[in-house]
Amino acid sequence: MPLLPGSDPRAVHQAAALLAAGELVAFPTETVYGLGARADDDRAVARIFAAKGRPADHPLIVHVSDPAAVPDFAAAINDAARRLMAAFWPGPLTVILPRRPDRGGAAAGGQASIGLRQPSHPLALALLREAARLGVPGVAAPSANRYGRVSATTAWHVVQEFGAALAVLDGGACDVGIESAIVDCSREQPALLRPGRLTRTALESVLGAPLAAPDAASPRAPGTLASHYAPAAPVRLFESMQLHARLHAEPEGGAGRPGPVVGVYSRLASAAVAGPRWMHRTMPADAAAAAHELFAVLREFDAAGVAAIWVEQPPPGPEWEGVRDRLRRAAAA
């Protein structure tokens, strides 16, 4: 199936009709592209797990067109969740709530809780609203890539992952570039299970209290395995001085024989990463800009066939927490 142009209302209706019929549709959000199926149909959701090669007990996020749809999947909404949704929806925030026992079991990975968010991408909202008009209360949608691999931030990335048979609603490159922050509101004290563009400081300011850390009793959440977001080439993280030293060390091939090409993603000036052995991309000094391009850079390195990817550790500021999280998990593979 050719890419569906997001600028065409007929394409949005076609994608919504496919979702209503239990088919899979990839679509853009402000974070990454999602691989969607109607969340109230466990058989449709099972097709997501099969397409991605994802374990069926690893939960998905349900995307809704409006906060009024949350009770379709959640058994209760506490004050913390209400505060967060009022402040950050639509936007890159997922809240985990107690699940209605009669709906969303497959999307929740069998858990008694479920993750929900309202995306802010105009095309995602248009699709969700049209799907709701056709009787779809919410769309379960993990990132549109094979399980554990680098997330897709363009329609072409999705095609590279799943081929041309999948319906892909093309909305251009995603603005945020990394997945949503996930806050568990299913227990007494909210906990940050996955960082994202929204900083811990911003979330805690709205809650008026510190976020707890995940513990053994926390619900399972998407993108929180130790190894995730991994390109084909192994990723290594270096502190700035350590990376500079490695770049000026003897090539692995020995004197006069350069080793294999290595992708380098760093804030170092390009002149410091010169030579045929290196494929260098400059990491922006701004955390939001780095998040926006991170997965695209990792995919570019893979497409070039680099033997390894060396990444300079991002700065320690709280605005970099989401980027640091994705890189740490990519390197764990």
Foldseek 3Di string as FASTA:
>chain_A
DAEQELVDLVSLLVQLVCQLVLAWEWEAFLAFIWTKHQQQDLVSLVVVCVLQVHDQLQAFEWEALDPVLVVVWAPDDDPLNVLCCVVAPPDQEKEKAQTDPNGRCSNNSNDRIHIYHHTDPPSVSSSNVSNVVVPRSIMTIDFLAHWQAAGHFFQVVNCVHRNDPHHYHGDGGRQQQHHGWYWYPHDDAIATQAHGQDFQVNSCVSVVHHHDYDDPPDRRHPPRPLAGRAHPAAEDEDAPVRVLVVLPDAAPVGPPDHDFAEEEEEQDDVVSNDDDNYDYDYQDLDQSVNSRCVSVSSVVCVVVPGNHYYYYQHDPDRSNRNVNSSSSNNNVD
